[in-house]
Amino acid sequence: MHLLIPFAYGSSRGCEQVLGQLQLPHLQRLLRRLRAGDKDHGDMSSYSPPHERALARVLGLPVRDGEIPWAAWHARPEPGAWAFVSPCHWVMGSDEITMSPAALADFPEHESRALLASMQAFFAGDGIELIYDQPQRWLARGAALEGMFTAAADRVAGRAVRDWPARGAGAPLLRRLHAEMQMLCYQHPVNDARQARGVEPVNSFWLSGTGALGAGASVSSPADAITLANELRDAARS
């Protein structure tokens, strides 16, 4: 059994100050009973956060920074290169654009599907198929996603998007799609309705989890072996 606790530590000054005074007797007793495993090598600039790297190792996925094929694993056994597409809100500042730290508020399935349907033709023009998965996350499939390195949405939330550019041959395509989708969303009926009820509009998307599993890839399922404790995620992203 594996227990992963994302965002259990942060490098901010506030987090370090709190940890210096924090009393965790139960955790300390538990740690005395556990054996340290292999060390993980990465830093705050890594496209894939440490909990994703750890989970990928347990599942037998390739641990390549920014190219852990999460979407392909989710879509298995369908072949090809995949990605997650997360509809999101970008905050337009005077000198930079940041991604909203929180997930979209009040984003029902019918709004998500309506936006996906409007975007589909633009992606299809580049050979990318959009597939609905859940309101806050869609799937994309296409050869253009092969070899594209993208930052996890958890890395970008609350930060400047320009600091996390996609890399690879498909990066220029993605930049163009971002510009086109911002124009499409500007006066979309979904956003008119969202603004009328006082919630932030959907004005962009984020691509992550890109790549293909590869021929003959053998990966395991976390259903009965891994527990993800995500209670600290919202606090870390705010």
Protein backbone atom coordinates (compact mmCIF):
# COMPACT_ATOMS: atom_id res chain seq x y z
CA MET A 1 0.00 0.00 0.00
CA HIS A 2 1.23 3.51 -0.84
CA LEU A 3 0.15 6.80 0.73
CA LEU A 4 0.90 10.02 -1.16
CA ILE A 5 0.35 13.42 0.45
CA PRO A 6 0.76 16.12 -2.21
CA PHE A 7 1.79 19.60 -1.04
CA ALA A 8 2.90 18.36 2.40
CA TYR A 9 5.84 20.75 2.12
CA GLY A 10 6.48 24.06 0.42
CA SER A 11 9.60 26.15 0.01
CA SER A 12 7.94 29.44 0.91
CA ARG A 13 9.25 31.39 3.90
CA GLY A 14 5.91 31.08 5.69
CA CYS A 15 5.89 27.31 5.35
CA GLU A 16 9.44 27.01 6.65
CA GLN A 17 8.61 29.20 9.66
CA VAL A 18 5.57 27.09 10.54
CA LEU A 19 7.44 23.80 10.15
CA GLY A 20 10.08 25.00 12.58
CA GLN A 21 7.45 25.15 15.34
CA LEU A 22 5.04 22.44 14.24
CA GLN A 23 4.54 19.50 16.57
CA LEU A 24 3.62 16.26 14.78
CA PRO A 25 4.07 13.44 17.33
CA HIS A 26 2.00 10.87 15.43
CA LEU A 27 3.91 11.49 12.20
CA GLN A 28 7.22 11.28 14.03
CA ARG A 29 6.28 7.92 15.54
CA LEU A 30 5.20 6.66 12.11
CA LEU A 31 8.41 7.79 10.45
CA ARG A 32 10.47 5.84 13.00
CA ARG A 33 8.73 2.68 11.77
CA LEU A 34 9.25 3.37 8.05
CA ARG A 35 12.28 2.86 5.84
CA ALA A 36 13.46 5.60 3.48
CA GLY A 37 13.23 4.78 -0.20
CA ASP A 38 14.98 6.25 -3.20
CA LYS A 39 15.37 10.01 -3.20
CA ASP A 40 13.44 12.07 -5.70
CA HIS A 41 15.37 14.68 -7.65
CA GLY A 42 13.49 17.79 -8.72
CA ASP A 43 12.87 21.37 -7.72
CA MET A 44 10.17 24.05 -7.83
CA SER A 45 10.87 24.66 -11.52
CA SER A 46 10.20 21.04 -12.52
CA TYR A 47 7.18 20.74 -14.81
CA SER A 48 6.05 17.57 -13.02
CA PRO A 49 5.53 18.03 -9.25
CA PRO A 50 7.05 15.47 -6.86
CA HIS A 51 3.79 13.66 -6.07
CA GLU A 52 3.24 13.05 -9.80
CA ARG A 53 6.77 11.70 -10.19
CA ALA A 54 6.30 9.39 -7.20
CA LEU A 55 2.94 8.15 -8.47
CA ALA A 56 4.36 7.55 -11.95
CA ARG A 57 7.11 5.35 -10.52
CA VAL A 58 4.60 3.25 -8.60
CA LEU A 59 2.49 2.80 -11.74
CA GLY A 60 5.44 1.99 -13.97
CA LEU A 61 5.03 5.09 -16.13
CA PRO A 62 8.02 6.89 -17.67
CA VAL A 63 9.17 9.68 -15.38
CA ARG A 64 10.13 12.37 -17.88
CA ASP A 65 9.71 15.89 -16.58
CA GLY A 66 6.67 17.44 -18.26
CA GLU A 67 5.95 14.32 -20.29
CA ILE A 68 4.46 11.81 -17.88
CA PRO A 69 1.65 10.40 -20.06
CA TRP A 70 -1.19 10.77 -17.57
CA ALA A 71 -3.89 11.28 -20.18
CA ALA A 72 -2.74 8.24 -22.17
CA TRP A 73 -2.79 6.18 -18.98
CA HIS A 74 -6.32 7.44 -18.26
CA ALA A 75 -7.45 6.63 -21.82
CA ARG A 76 -5.85 3.18 -22.01
CA PRO A 77 -6.13 0.85 -23.87
CA GLU A 78 -6.73 3.37 -26.66
CA PRO A 79 -3.38 3.98 -28.44
CA GLY A 80 -1.77 7.25 -29.47
CA ALA A 81 -0.61 10.49 -27.91
CA TRP A 82 -3.02 12.09 -25.46
CA ALA A 83 -3.30 15.12 -23.19
CA PHE A 84 -5.58 16.53 -20.54
CA VAL A 85 -7.28 19.81 -21.45
CA SER A 86 -8.40 21.84 -18.44
CA PRO A 87 -10.79 24.76 -19.10
CA CYS A 88 -9.65 27.59 -16.84
CA HIS A 89 -9.67 31.28 -16.05
CA TRP A 90 -6.65 33.44 -16.76
CA VAL A 91 -6.30 36.70 -14.83
CA MET A 92 -5.10 39.44 -17.19
CA GLY A 93 -2.78 41.79 -15.31
CA SER A 94 -1.00 44.89 -16.51
CA ASP A 95 2.30 43.10 -17.10
CA GLU A 96 1.54 39.38 -16.83
CA ILE A 97 -1.14 36.74 -17.11
CA THR A 98 -1.73 34.35 -14.22
CA MET A 99 -3.88 31.27 -13.93
CA SER A 100 -6.59 31.42 -11.30
CA PRO A 101 -5.45 29.28 -8.33
CA ALA A 102 -8.88 27.73 -7.83
CA ALA A 103 -10.86 25.39 -10.03
CA LEU A 104 -13.70 26.94 -12.01
CA ALA A 105 -16.66 27.73 -9.78
CA ASP A 106 -20.16 26.60 -10.75
CA PHE A 107 -19.13 24.94 -14.01
CA PRO A 108 -21.85 22.39 -14.87
CA GLU A 109 -21.57 19.69 -17.49
CA HIS A 110 -23.77 21.43 -20.08
CA GLU A 111 -21.53 24.53 -20.06
CA SER A 112 -18.41 22.42 -20.33
CA ARG A 113 -19.80 20.44 -23.25
CA ALA A 114 -20.95 23.62 -25.02
CA LEU A 115 -17.46 25.13 -24.85
CA LEU A 116 -15.86 21.89 -25.98
CA ALA A 117 -18.18 21.74 -28.99
CA SER A 118 -17.24 25.30 -29.96
CA MET A 119 -13.51 24.60 -29.64
CA GLN A 120 -13.56 21.25 -31.41
CA ALA A 121 -13.21 22.56 -34.97
CA PHE A 122 -10.15 24.66 -34.10
CA PHE A 123 -8.34 21.69 -32.56
CA ALA A 124 -9.47 19.38 -35.36
CA GLY A 125 -7.77 21.67 -37.86
CA ASP A 126 -4.47 20.60 -36.28
CA GLY A 127 -5.41 16.95 -36.16
CA ILE A 128 -6.39 16.98 -32.47
CA GLU A 129 -9.65 15.42 -31.29
CA LEU A 130 -11.32 16.75 -28.15
CA ILE A 131 -13.24 14.25 -26.01
CA TYR A 132 -15.40 15.09 -23.00
CA ASP A 133 -14.30 13.42 -19.76
CA GLN A 134 -15.62 15.61 -16.91
CA PRO A 135 -16.58 19.29 -16.58
CA GLN A 136 -13.18 20.51 -15.38
CA ARG A 137 -11.12 18.24 -17.61
CA TRP A 138 -11.32 16.99 -21.19
CA LEU A 139 -9.15 14.64 -23.20
CA ALA A 140 -7.26 15.45 -26.38
CA ARG A 141 -5.81 12.94 -28.83
CA GLY A 142 -3.55 13.58 -31.81
CA ALA A 143 -0.07 13.11 -33.23
CA ALA A 144 0.76 16.77 -32.49
CA LEU A 145 0.80 15.88 -28.78
CA GLU A 146 3.69 13.45 -29.20
CA GLY A 147 6.90 14.81 -27.70
CA MET A 148 5.24 17.87 -26.17
CA PHE A 149 6.42 18.80 -22.68
CA THR A 150 3.82 20.58 -20.53
CA ALA A 151 3.64 21.72 -16.92
CA ALA A 152 1.10 20.19 -14.57
CA ALA A 153 -1.85 22.48 -13.82
CA ASP A 154 -0.90 22.32 -10.12
CA ARG A 155 2.42 23.98 -11.00
CA VAL A 156 0.79 26.88 -12.84
CA ALA A 157 -2.19 27.63 -10.59
CA GLY A 158 -1.79 31.10 -9.14
CA ARG A 159 1.37 31.77 -11.16
CA ALA A 160 2.36 33.54 -14.36
CA VAL A 161 1.62 31.31 -17.34
CA ARG A 162 4.59 32.68 -19.28
CA ASP A 163 6.92 30.96 -16.80
CA TRP A 164 5.59 27.53 -17.80
CA PRO A 165 5.69 27.41 -21.63
CA ALA A 166 5.11 24.15 -23.47
CA ARG A 167 8.20 22.74 -25.15
CA GLY A 168 8.61 20.54 -28.18
CA ALA A 169 7.68 20.61 -31.84
CA GLY A 170 4.00 21.21 -31.05
CA ALA A 171 4.58 24.26 -28.83
CA PRO A 172 3.91 26.89 -31.55
CA LEU A 173 0.63 25.14 -32.37
CA LEU A 174 -0.40 25.34 -28.73
CA ARG A 175 0.40 29.05 -28.51
CA ARG A 176 -1.79 29.71 -31.55
CA LEU A 177 -4.64 27.66 -30.09
CA HIS A 178 -4.42 29.65 -26.85
CA ALA A 179 -4.81 32.90 -28.78
CA GLU A 180 -7.72 31.54 -30.84
CA MET A 181 -9.56 30.17 -27.82
CA GLN A 182 -9.24 33.45 -25.94
CA MET A 183 -10.95 35.19 -28.85
CA LEU A 184 -13.60 32.47 -29.08
CA CYS A 185 -14.39 32.64 -25.36
CA TYR A 186 -14.55 36.44 -25.21
CA GLN A 187 -18.20 36.66 -26.30
CA HIS A 188 -19.27 33.04 -25.93
CA PRO A 189 -22.85 32.52 -24.66
CA VAL A 190 -21.52 30.30 -21.87
CA ASN A 191 -19.46 33.17 -20.51
CA ASP A 192 -22.32 35.61 -20.91
CA ALA A 193 -24.36 33.34 -18.65
CA ARG A 194 -21.50 32.88 -16.18
CA GLN A 195 -20.89 36.59 -15.83
CA ALA A 196 -24.62 37.21 -15.40
CA ARG A 197 -24.60 34.97 -12.32
CA GLY A 198 -21.36 36.43 -10.97
CA VAL A 199 -18.79 33.68 -11.60
CA GLU A 200 -15.53 34.01 -13.47
CA PRO A 201 -15.58 33.31 -17.22
CA VAL A 202 -13.74 30.49 -18.92
CA ASN A 203 -11.22 32.33 -21.06
CA SER A 204 -8.50 29.77 -21.76
CA PHE A 205 -7.36 26.18 -21.24
CA TRP A 206 -4.31 24.35 -19.94
CA LEU A 207 -2.74 21.32 -21.55
CA SER A 208 -1.00 18.74 -19.35
CA GLY A 209 -0.29 15.03 -18.96
CA THR A 210 0.93 14.82 -22.55
CA GLY A 211 2.49 11.85 -24.30
CA ALA A 212 1.94 8.25 -25.32
CA LEU A 213 2.36 5.06 -23.34
CA GLY A 214 4.35 3.42 -26.09
CA ALA A 215 4.01 -0.02 -27.63
CA GLY A 216 3.89 -2.86 -25.13
CA ALA A 217 3.73 -0.56 -22.10
CA SER A 218 2.71 -2.40 -18.96
CA VAL A 219 1.30 -0.23 -16.19
CA SER A 220 -0.53 -1.11 -13.01
CA SER A 221 -3.74 0.22 -11.54
CA PRO A 222 -3.75 2.26 -8.31
CA ALA A 223 -7.27 1.27 -7.31
CA ASP A 224 -6.34 -0.86 -4.32
CA ALA A 225 -2.68 0.07 -3.81
CA ILE A 226 -2.41 3.86 -3.64
CA THR A 227 -4.13 6.45 -1.47
CA LEU A 228 -3.85 10.10 -2.51
CA ALA A 229 -4.54 12.58 0.31
CA ASN A 230 -5.42 15.82 -1.47
CA GLU A 231 -6.61 17.84 1.51
CA LEU A 232 -3.62 20.22 1.35
CA ARG A 233 -3.95 21.03 -2.37
CA ASP A 234 -6.34 24.00 -2.07
CA ALA A 235 -4.30 25.64 0.68
CA ALA A 236 -1.08 25.25 -1.32
CA ARG A 237 -2.63 26.68 -4.50
CA SER A 238 -4.22 29.71 -2.84
